[in-house]
Amino acid sequence: RDDAKIAVGTKIGDMQVHIRNANADPINALPGTKRKLLVERKWTCGKDEIVSQVAAQHTRWGYWFKDISEVKSLGAHVMTFRVVLAESEGDASTKLPSHTIRFSVVEGPPSRFELTDLNGPYRIGVPFPLRLTFFDKFNNVAKPPLILSPTLTASGLTLTRREIQRESNSNVPTISGVTGIGKVESSTGNTFNLIVSIPKFPLFAKDIRFLPGPPATIFVPEGDVKVENGRPLDIQVEVRDVGGNLTSRPKLTVVCELPSSLPKYMAD
């Protein structure tokens, strides 16, 4: 059908063509002559030629073109059938009929997904987005399902998220406000295996790295502190993120204020 839209992977079946005269009678030769008529099929997508074939008439089936395997090229397609004279009897001045079918090939239904545009490392307790890109079985970007309920898990992390955001002109939804809380061993961070599951799709797993997050609490050892007059104050203080990990930032300063006229102590 002209101007139709078909999904990538659709199989184009056998096609039967007849040449008819003004009375709708099938013919296979130029009227008034014995000059044989052939049918040429040319199929293009943009500048790429997909098929170029010439068929002679079959006594039972007319001009027959065999089926073509799955269509894999997205975009606008043009299939033209043109009546031509047999090569040995060609005459460029003879005007012969033709017929053109135009159709579009669009992406197929989604069969898998990936996380794209990962911009780690991430920080404990700091929300970040995750973008979901869906693909059809031919690896074309596909439209995501209307209903999405992804589940995020990672051993050693507690993961939470907010809503799924969709932009009107994009096929890439975003999981917003993803936050991870867990233990990391040092300032260089830890790698966790993130697993994303969406019903009816294969699982997707990806290693992502988390660093300590921003300061959330100060930890001071319990108990009395004794200081000898005239000697420096020595208190071990730890700055921790929301996951309880030691953390630091440039120009991060801890201030110890003592009552009365005692001095104020600062440390970075």
C-alpha atoms as a PDB file:
ATOM      1  CA  ARG A   1       0.000   0.000   0.000  1.00  0.00           C
ATOM      2  CA  ASP A   2       1.306   3.413  -0.980  1.00  0.00           C
ATOM      3  CA  ASP A   3       2.478   5.641   1.924  1.00  0.00           C
ATOM      4  CA  ALA A   4       2.233   2.762   4.382  1.00  0.00           C
ATOM      5  CA  LYS A   5       4.393   2.452   7.479  1.00  0.00           C
ATOM      6  CA  ILE A   6       5.850  -0.964   8.213  1.00  0.00           C
ATOM      7  CA  ALA A   7       8.034  -2.136  11.070  1.00  0.00           C
ATOM      8  CA  VAL A   8      11.670  -3.011  10.515  1.00  0.00           C
ATOM      9  CA  GLY A   9      12.014  -6.763  10.099  1.00  0.00           C
ATOM     10  CA  THR A  10       8.838  -7.065   8.017  1.00  0.00           C
ATOM     11  CA  LYS A  11       9.187  -9.581   5.198  1.00  0.00           C
ATOM     12  CA  ILE A  12       8.176  -8.455   1.716  1.00  0.00           C
ATOM     13  CA  GLY A  13       6.391 -11.378   0.133  1.00  0.00           C
ATOM     14  CA  ASP A  14       6.090 -12.491  -3.476  1.00  0.00           C
ATOM     15  CA  MET A  15       4.722  -9.820  -5.800  1.00  0.00           C
ATOM     16  CA  GLN A  16       2.723 -10.489  -8.962  1.00  0.00           C
ATOM     17  CA  VAL A  17       2.600  -7.858 -11.700  1.00  0.00           C
ATOM     18  CA  HIS A  18       0.435  -7.739 -14.822  1.00  0.00           C
ATOM     19  CA  ILE A  19       0.774  -5.491 -17.845  1.00  0.00           C
ATOM     20  CA  ARG A  20      -2.642  -4.571 -19.255  1.00  0.00           C
ATOM     21  CA  ASN A  21      -3.768  -2.680 -22.301  1.00  0.00           C
ATOM     22  CA  ALA A  22      -6.491  -0.021 -22.445  1.00  0.00           C
ATOM     23  CA  ASN A  23      -9.131  -2.745 -22.321  1.00  0.00           C
ATOM     24  CA  ALA A  24      -7.591  -4.205 -19.128  1.00  0.00           C
ATOM     25  CA  ASP A  25      -6.460  -7.304 -20.988  1.00  0.00           C
ATOM     26  CA  PRO A  26      -3.086  -8.757 -19.905  1.00  0.00           C
ATOM     27  CA  ILE A  27      -0.344  -8.462 -22.520  1.00  0.00           C
ATOM     28  CA  ASN A  28       3.294  -9.507 -22.751  1.00  0.00           C
ATOM     29  CA  ALA A  29       4.333  -7.869 -26.016  1.00  0.00           C
ATOM     30  CA  LEU A  30       4.165  -4.403 -27.481  1.00  0.00           C
ATOM     31  CA  PRO A  31       0.791  -4.114 -29.239  1.00  0.00           C
ATOM     32  CA  GLY A  32       1.025  -4.670 -32.989  1.00  0.00           C
ATOM     33  CA  THR A  33       4.487  -6.227 -32.665  1.00  0.00           C
ATOM     34  CA  LYS A  34       6.188  -9.286 -31.296  1.00  0.00           C
ATOM     35  CA  ARG A  35       8.500  -7.236 -29.148  1.00  0.00           C
ATOM     36  CA  LYS A  36       8.558  -8.825 -25.694  1.00  0.00           C
ATOM     37  CA  LEU A  37       7.842  -6.793 -22.601  1.00  0.00           C
ATOM     38  CA  LEU A  38       9.650  -7.223 -19.292  1.00  0.00           C
ATOM     39  CA  VAL A  39       9.053  -5.663 -15.882  1.00  0.00           C
ATOM     40  CA  GLU A  40      11.907  -4.090 -13.952  1.00  0.00           C
ATOM     41  CA  ARG A  41      11.677  -3.602 -10.184  1.00  0.00           C
ATOM     42  CA  LYS A  42      13.939  -1.098  -8.466  1.00  0.00           C
ATOM     43  CA  TRP A  43      13.814  -0.584  -4.728  1.00  0.00           C
ATOM     44  CA  THR A  44      15.737   2.207  -3.031  1.00  0.00           C
ATOM     45  CA  CYS A  45      16.062   3.726   0.418  1.00  0.00           C
ATOM     46  CA  GLY A  46      17.617   7.167   0.166  1.00  0.00           C
ATOM     47  CA  LYS A  47      20.722   6.761  -1.985  1.00  0.00           C
ATOM     48  CA  ASP A  48      21.006   3.031  -1.316  1.00  0.00           C
ATOM     49  CA  GLU A  49      19.723   0.542  -3.844  1.00  0.00           C
ATOM     50  CA  ILE A  50      18.220  -2.476  -2.115  1.00  0.00           C
ATOM     51  CA  VAL A  51      16.953  -4.482  -5.104  1.00  0.00           C
ATOM     52  CA  SER A  52      17.167  -4.248  -8.882  1.00  0.00           C
ATOM     53  CA  GLN A  53      15.466  -7.087 -10.776  1.00  0.00           C
ATOM     54  CA  VAL A  54      13.938  -7.787 -14.160  1.00  0.00           C
ATOM     55  CA  ALA A  55      11.198 -10.386 -14.640  1.00  0.00           C
ATOM     56  CA  ALA A  56       9.904 -12.005 -17.792  1.00  0.00           C
ATOM     57  CA  GLN A  57       6.308 -13.156 -18.045  1.00  0.00           C
ATOM     58  CA  HIS A  58       5.426 -16.601 -16.751  1.00  0.00           C
ATOM     59  CA  THR A  59       2.684 -18.362 -18.670  1.00  0.00           C
ATOM     60  CA  ARG A  60       0.683 -19.008 -15.487  1.00  0.00           C
ATOM     61  CA  TRP A  61       1.714 -16.310 -13.023  1.00  0.00           C
ATOM     62  CA  GLY A  62       2.419 -13.253 -15.101  1.00  0.00           C
ATOM     63  CA  TYR A  63       5.458 -11.230 -13.989  1.00  0.00           C
ATOM     64  CA  TRP A  64       6.539 -12.660 -10.654  1.00  0.00           C
ATOM     65  CA  PHE A  65       8.986 -11.280  -8.144  1.00  0.00           C
ATOM     66  CA  LYS A  66      10.056 -13.561  -5.314  1.00  0.00           C
ATOM     67  CA  ASP A  67       9.897 -12.586  -1.663  1.00  0.00           C
ATOM     68  CA  ILE A  68      12.604 -10.539  -0.003  1.00  0.00           C
ATOM     69  CA  SER A  69      14.033 -11.212   3.431  1.00  0.00           C
ATOM     70  CA  GLU A  70      13.457  -8.891   6.376  1.00  0.00           C
ATOM     71  CA  VAL A  71      13.594  -5.166   5.657  1.00  0.00           C
ATOM     72  CA  LYS A  72      16.299  -3.677   7.892  1.00  0.00           C
ATOM     73  CA  SER A  73      16.799  -0.112   6.617  1.00  0.00           C
ATOM     74  CA  LEU A  74      14.857   2.610   8.426  1.00  0.00           C
ATOM     75  CA  GLY A  75      13.507   5.552   6.480  1.00  0.00           C
ATOM     76  CA  ALA A  76      11.607   6.343   3.287  1.00  0.00           C
ATOM     77  CA  HIS A  77      11.545   3.580   0.663  1.00  0.00           C
ATOM     78  CA  VAL A  78      10.602   3.765  -3.004  1.00  0.00           C
ATOM     79  CA  MET A  79       9.729   0.688  -5.079  1.00  0.00           C
ATOM     80  CA  THR A  80       9.270   1.339  -8.800  1.00  0.00           C
ATOM     81  CA  PHE A  81       7.946  -1.138 -11.365  1.00  0.00           C
ATOM     82  CA  ARG A  82       8.746  -0.170 -14.942  1.00  0.00           C
ATOM     83  CA  VAL A  83       7.819  -1.880 -18.160  1.00  0.00           C
ATOM     84  CA  VAL A  84      10.862  -2.303 -20.425  1.00  0.00           C
ATOM     85  CA  LEU A  85      11.513  -3.921 -23.758  1.00  0.00           C
ATOM     86  CA  ALA A  86      13.674  -7.008 -23.925  1.00  0.00           C
ATOM     87  CA  GLU A  87      17.301  -5.897 -24.140  1.00  0.00           C
ATOM     88  CA  SER A  88      17.828  -7.134 -27.677  1.00  0.00           C
ATOM     89  CA  GLU A  89      14.720  -5.261 -28.793  1.00  0.00           C
ATOM     90  CA  GLY A  90      15.205  -2.016 -26.841  1.00  0.00           C
ATOM     91  CA  ASP A  91      13.929   1.295 -28.099  1.00  0.00           C
ATOM     92  CA  ALA A  92      14.529   4.315 -25.893  1.00  0.00           C
ATOM     93  CA  SER A  93      11.886   6.331 -27.753  1.00  0.00           C
ATOM     94  CA  THR A  94       9.073   3.972 -26.768  1.00  0.00           C
ATOM     95  CA  LYS A  95       7.092   5.291 -23.797  1.00  0.00           C
ATOM     96  CA  LEU A  96       6.105   2.485 -21.480  1.00  0.00           C
ATOM     97  CA  PRO A  97       4.101   2.527 -18.236  1.00  0.00           C
ATOM     98  CA  SER A  98       5.465   2.427 -14.701  1.00  0.00           C
ATOM     99  CA  HIS A  99       4.102   2.300 -11.173  1.00  0.00           C
ATOM    100  CA  THR A 100       5.691   3.572  -7.954  1.00  0.00           C
ATOM    101  CA  ILE A 101       4.986   2.515  -4.373  1.00  0.00           C
ATOM    102  CA  ARG A 102       6.279   4.666  -1.526  1.00  0.00           C
ATOM    103  CA  PHE A 103       6.406   3.467   2.054  1.00  0.00           C
ATOM    104  CA  SER A 104       8.305   4.060   5.277  1.00  0.00           C
ATOM    105  CA  VAL A 105      10.126   1.596   7.501  1.00  0.00           C
ATOM    106  CA  VAL A 106       9.992   2.469  11.189  1.00  0.00           C
ATOM    107  CA  GLU A 107      11.595   0.932  14.270  1.00  0.00           C
ATOM    108  CA  GLY A 108      10.169  -2.280  15.646  1.00  0.00           C
ATOM    109  CA  PRO A 109       8.851  -2.933  19.146  1.00  0.00           C
ATOM    110  CA  PRO A 110      11.440  -2.707  21.950  1.00  0.00           C
ATOM    111  CA  SER A 111      13.139  -5.974  22.860  1.00  0.00           C
ATOM    112  CA  ARG A 112      15.886  -4.789  25.229  1.00  0.00           C
ATOM    113  CA  PHE A 113      17.203  -1.675  26.953  1.00  0.00           C
ATOM    114  CA  GLU A 114      20.459  -0.149  28.152  1.00  0.00           C
ATOM    115  CA  LEU A 115      21.542   2.605  30.505  1.00  0.00           C
ATOM    116  CA  THR A 116      23.086   5.353  28.393  1.00  0.00           C
ATOM    117  CA  ASP A 117      24.989   8.546  29.178  1.00  0.00           C
ATOM    118  CA  LEU A 118      26.419   7.235  32.442  1.00  0.00           C
ATOM    119  CA  ASN A 119      28.470  10.074  33.929  1.00  0.00           C
ATOM    120  CA  GLY A 120      29.999   8.467  37.015  1.00  0.00           C
ATOM    121  CA  PRO A 121      31.607   8.263  39.419  1.00  0.00           C
ATOM    122  CA  TYR A 122      28.643   9.149  41.587  1.00  0.00           C
ATOM    123  CA  ARG A 123      28.583  10.202  45.246  1.00  0.00           C
ATOM    124  CA  ILE A 124      26.879   8.570  48.176  1.00  0.00           C
ATOM    125  CA  GLY A 125      23.617  10.343  48.994  1.00  0.00           C
ATOM    126  CA  VAL A 126      23.688  12.648  45.941  1.00  0.00           C
ATOM    127  CA  PRO A 127      20.785  12.138  43.475  1.00  0.00           C
ATOM    128  CA  PHE A 128      21.615  11.568  39.813  1.00  0.00           C
ATOM    129  CA  PRO A 129      19.637  10.638  36.666  1.00  0.00           C
ATOM    130  CA  LEU A 130      19.784   7.411  34.666  1.00  0.00           C
ATOM    131  CA  ARG A 131      18.705   7.435  31.023  1.00  0.00           C
ATOM    132  CA  LEU A 132      17.032   4.370  29.528  1.00  0.00           C
ATOM    133  CA  THR A 133      17.417   3.665  25.820  1.00  0.00           C
ATOM    134  CA  PHE A 134      15.299   0.903  24.288  1.00  0.00           C
ATOM    135  CA  PHE A 135      16.256  -1.033  21.153  1.00  0.00           C
ATOM    136  CA  ASP A 136      14.391  -3.307  18.765  1.00  0.00           C
ATOM    137  CA  LYS A 137      15.855  -6.658  17.729  1.00  0.00           C
ATOM    138  CA  PHE A 138      17.812  -4.946  14.938  1.00  0.00           C
ATOM    139  CA  ASN A 139      19.467  -2.507  17.407  1.00  0.00           C
ATOM    140  CA  ASN A 140      17.483   0.504  16.266  1.00  0.00           C
ATOM    141  CA  VAL A 141      16.418   2.928  18.989  1.00  0.00           C
ATOM    142  CA  ALA A 142      12.785   2.032  19.740  1.00  0.00           C
ATOM    143  CA  LYS A 143       9.891   3.707  21.505  1.00  0.00           C
ATOM    144  CA  PRO A 144       9.766   2.790  25.210  1.00  0.00           C
ATOM    145  CA  PRO A 145       6.721   1.100  26.724  1.00  0.00           C
ATOM    146  CA  LEU A 146       3.954   3.407  27.892  1.00  0.00           C
ATOM    147  CA  ILE A 147       4.174   1.974  31.408  1.00  0.00           C
ATOM    148  CA  LEU A 148       7.628   1.758  32.991  1.00  0.00           C
ATOM    149  CA  SER A 149       8.414   0.435  36.456  1.00  0.00           C
ATOM    150  CA  PRO A 150      12.174  -0.180  36.633  1.00  0.00           C
ATOM    151  CA  THR A 151      13.700  -1.757  39.730  1.00  0.00           C
ATOM    152  CA  LEU A 152      17.263  -0.825  40.730  1.00  0.00           C
ATOM    153  CA  THR A 153      19.436  -3.103  42.860  1.00  0.00           C
ATOM    154  CA  ALA A 154      23.140  -3.263  43.729  1.00  0.00           C
ATOM    155  CA  SER A 155      24.754  -5.471  46.334  1.00  0.00           C
ATOM    156  CA  GLY A 156      26.066  -3.261  49.128  1.00  0.00           C
ATOM    157  CA  LEU A 157      23.923  -0.265  48.206  1.00  0.00           C
ATOM    158  CA  THR A 158      20.463   0.924  49.136  1.00  0.00           C
ATOM    159  CA  LEU A 159      19.057   2.508  45.990  1.00  0.00           C
ATOM    160  CA  THR A 160      16.027   4.761  45.741  1.00  0.00           C
ATOM    161  CA  ARG A 161      14.586   6.738  42.852  1.00  0.00           C
ATOM    162  CA  ARG A 162      11.919   9.276  42.045  1.00  0.00           C
ATOM    163  CA  GLU A 163       9.649   9.385  38.985  1.00  0.00           C
ATOM    164  CA  ILE A 164      10.196   8.457  35.327  1.00  0.00           C
ATOM    165  CA  GLN A 165      10.546  11.584  33.183  1.00  0.00           C
ATOM    166  CA  ARG A 166       9.679  11.610  29.486  1.00  0.00           C
ATOM    167  CA  GLU A 167      10.442  14.388  27.032  1.00  0.00           C
ATOM    168  CA  SER A 168       7.875  14.936  24.282  1.00  0.00           C
ATOM    169  CA  ASN A 169      10.352  14.658  21.404  1.00  0.00           C
ATOM    170  CA  SER A 170      12.560  11.925  22.841  1.00  0.00           C
ATOM    171  CA  ASN A 171      12.416   8.138  22.990  1.00  0.00           C
ATOM    172  CA  VAL A 172      14.820   8.130  25.947  1.00  0.00           C
ATOM    173  CA  PRO A 173      13.043   8.272  29.331  1.00  0.00           C
ATOM    174  CA  THR A 174      14.984   9.286  32.437  1.00  0.00           C
ATOM    175  CA  ILE A 175      14.898   7.719  35.877  1.00  0.00           C
ATOM    176  CA  SER A 176      15.224  10.821  38.043  1.00  0.00           C
ATOM    177  CA  GLY A 177      16.587  11.232  41.532  1.00  0.00           C
ATOM    178  CA  VAL A 178      18.506   7.961  41.805  1.00  0.00           C
ATOM    179  CA  THR A 179      20.299   7.912  45.162  1.00  0.00           C
ATOM    180  CA  GLY A 180      22.705   5.321  46.516  1.00  0.00           C
ATOM    181  CA  ILE A 181      23.626   4.876  50.178  1.00  0.00           C
ATOM    182  CA  GLY A 182      26.232   2.380  51.295  1.00  0.00           C
ATOM    183  CA  LYS A 183      29.780   1.851  52.509  1.00  0.00           C
ATOM    184  CA  VAL A 184      32.852   2.807  50.503  1.00  0.00           C
ATOM    185  CA  GLU A 185      36.305   1.890  51.696  1.00  0.00           C
ATOM    186  CA  SER A 186      38.286   5.020  50.861  1.00  0.00           C
ATOM    187  CA  SER A 187      38.246   8.357  49.110  1.00  0.00           C
ATOM    188  CA  THR A 188      38.826   6.541  45.799  1.00  0.00           C
ATOM    189  CA  GLY A 189      35.432   4.889  46.153  1.00  0.00           C
ATOM    190  CA  ASN A 190      33.998   1.454  45.434  1.00  0.00           C
ATOM    191  CA  THR A 191      32.576  -0.222  42.342  1.00  0.00           C
ATOM    192  CA  PHE A 192      29.097  -1.728  42.569  1.00  0.00           C
ATOM    193  CA  ASN A 193      27.243  -3.899  40.075  1.00  0.00           C
ATOM    194  CA  LEU A 194      24.016  -2.090  39.259  1.00  0.00           C
ATOM    195  CA  ILE A 195      21.176  -4.285  37.984  1.00  0.00           C
ATOM    196  CA  VAL A 196      18.115  -2.744  36.344  1.00  0.00           C
ATOM    197  CA  SER A 197      15.046  -4.895  35.812  1.00  0.00           C
ATOM    198  CA  ILE A 198      11.920  -4.008  33.844  1.00  0.00           C
ATOM    199  CA  PRO A 199       9.078  -6.512  33.433  1.00  0.00           C
ATOM    200  CA  LYS A 200       9.126  -8.389  30.076  1.00  0.00           C
ATOM    201  CA  PHE A 201      12.704  -7.283  29.265  1.00  0.00           C
ATOM    202  CA  PRO A 202      16.103  -8.915  29.874  1.00  0.00           C
ATOM    203  CA  LEU A 203      18.009  -7.629  32.891  1.00  0.00           C
ATOM    204  CA  PHE A 204      20.659  -4.970  32.313  1.00  0.00           C
ATOM    205  CA  ALA A 205      23.777  -4.900  34.510  1.00  0.00           C
ATOM    206  CA  LYS A 206      26.503  -2.269  34.643  1.00  0.00           C
ATOM    207  CA  ASP A 207      29.387  -1.530  37.029  1.00  0.00           C
ATOM    208  CA  ILE A 208      29.198   1.975  38.475  1.00  0.00           C
ATOM    209  CA  ARG A 209      31.517   3.691  40.937  1.00  0.00           C
ATOM    210  CA  PHE A 210      30.573   5.606  44.066  1.00  0.00           C
ATOM    211  CA  LEU A 211      32.756   8.029  45.998  1.00  0.00           C
ATOM    212  CA  PRO A 212      32.073   9.320  49.533  1.00  0.00           C
ATOM    213  CA  GLY A 213      29.271  11.853  49.564  1.00  0.00           C
ATOM    214  CA  PRO A 214      29.057  15.388  50.971  1.00  0.00           C
ATOM    215  CA  PRO A 215      29.440  15.960  54.732  1.00  0.00           C
ATOM    216  CA  ALA A 216      26.349  14.976  56.673  1.00  0.00           C
ATOM    217  CA  THR A 217      27.507  14.391  60.276  1.00  0.00           C
ATOM    218  CA  ILE A 218      30.438  15.016  62.599  1.00  0.00           C
ATOM    219  CA  PHE A 219      31.594  12.163  64.780  1.00  0.00           C
ATOM    220  CA  VAL A 220      33.390  13.015  68.043  1.00  0.00           C
ATOM    221  CA  PRO A 221      34.463  10.177  70.385  1.00  0.00           C
ATOM    222  CA  GLU A 222      32.408  10.048  73.552  1.00  0.00           C
ATOM    223  CA  GLY A 223      33.937  10.672  76.948  1.00  0.00           C
ATOM    224  CA  ASP A 224      35.678  13.457  78.825  1.00  0.00           C
ATOM    225  CA  VAL A 225      38.602  15.287  77.291  1.00  0.00           C
ATOM    226  CA  LYS A 226      41.340  16.479  79.624  1.00  0.00           C
ATOM    227  CA  VAL A 227      43.631  19.254  78.507  1.00  0.00           C
ATOM    228  CA  GLU A 228      46.644  20.510  80.400  1.00  0.00           C
ATOM    229  CA  ASN A 229      46.843  24.267  80.561  1.00  0.00           C
ATOM    230  CA  GLY A 230      49.214  25.625  77.935  1.00  0.00           C
ATOM    231  CA  ARG A 231      49.205  22.503  75.798  1.00  0.00           C
ATOM    232  CA  PRO A 232      47.430  22.072  72.437  1.00  0.00           C
ATOM    233  CA  LEU A 233      43.960  20.554  72.325  1.00  0.00           C
ATOM    234  CA  ASP A 234      43.970  17.108  70.663  1.00  0.00           C
ATOM    235  CA  ILE A 235      40.560  15.760  69.657  1.00  0.00           C
ATOM    236  CA  GLN A 236      40.075  13.259  66.850  1.00  0.00           C
ATOM    237  CA  VAL A 237      37.050  14.374  64.800  1.00  0.00           C
ATOM    238  CA  GLU A 238      35.567  12.545  61.816  1.00  0.00           C
ATOM    239  CA  VAL A 239      33.382  14.079  59.113  1.00  0.00           C
ATOM    240  CA  ARG A 240      31.058  11.492  57.576  1.00  0.00           C
ATOM    241  CA  ASP A 241      28.579  11.351  54.709  1.00  0.00           C
ATOM    242  CA  VAL A 242      25.005  10.100  54.990  1.00  0.00           C
ATOM    243  CA  GLY A 243      26.257   6.509  54.648  1.00  0.00           C
ATOM    244  CA  GLY A 244      28.715   6.868  57.511  1.00  0.00           C
ATOM    245  CA  ASN A 245      31.781   7.048  55.250  1.00  0.00           C
ATOM    246  CA  LEU A 246      34.709   9.346  56.006  1.00  0.00           C
ATOM    247  CA  THR A 247      34.533  12.233  53.617  1.00  0.00           C
ATOM    248  CA  SER A 248      36.263  15.496  52.876  1.00  0.00           C
ATOM    249  CA  ARG A 249      36.026  18.501  50.626  1.00  0.00           C
ATOM    250  CA  PRO A 250      38.437  21.285  49.635  1.00  0.00           C
ATOM    251  CA  LYS A 251      38.368  24.086  52.230  1.00  0.00           C
ATOM    252  CA  LEU A 252      36.346  21.918  54.616  1.00  0.00           C
ATOM    253  CA  THR A 253      37.042  23.188  58.130  1.00  0.00           C
ATOM    254  CA  VAL A 254      35.938  21.870  61.527  1.00  0.00           C
ATOM    255  CA  VAL A 255      35.629  24.482  64.280  1.00  0.00           C
ATOM    256  CA  CYS A 256      35.815  23.609  67.980  1.00  0.00           C
ATOM    257  CA  GLU A 257      34.371  26.346  70.172  1.00  0.00           C
ATOM    258  CA  LEU A 258      34.965  26.319  73.929  1.00  0.00           C
ATOM    259  CA  PRO A 259      33.016  28.310  76.504  1.00  0.00           C
ATOM    260  CA  SER A 260      34.104  31.485  78.191  1.00  0.00           C
ATOM    261  CA  SER A 261      37.339  33.097  77.078  1.00  0.00           C
ATOM    262  CA  LEU A 262      39.027  29.902  75.945  1.00  0.00           C
ATOM    263  CA  PRO A 263      40.452  29.951  72.435  1.00  0.00           C
ATOM    264  CA  LYS A 264      38.652  28.687  69.304  1.00  0.00           C
ATOM    265  CA  TYR A 265      40.275  25.764  67.472  1.00  0.00           C
ATOM    266  CA  MET A 266      40.040  25.084  63.742  1.00  0.00           C
ATOM    267  CA  ALA A 267      41.273  22.171  61.653  1.00  0.00           C
ATOM    268  CA  ASP A 268      41.009  21.131  58.029  1.00  0.00           C
END
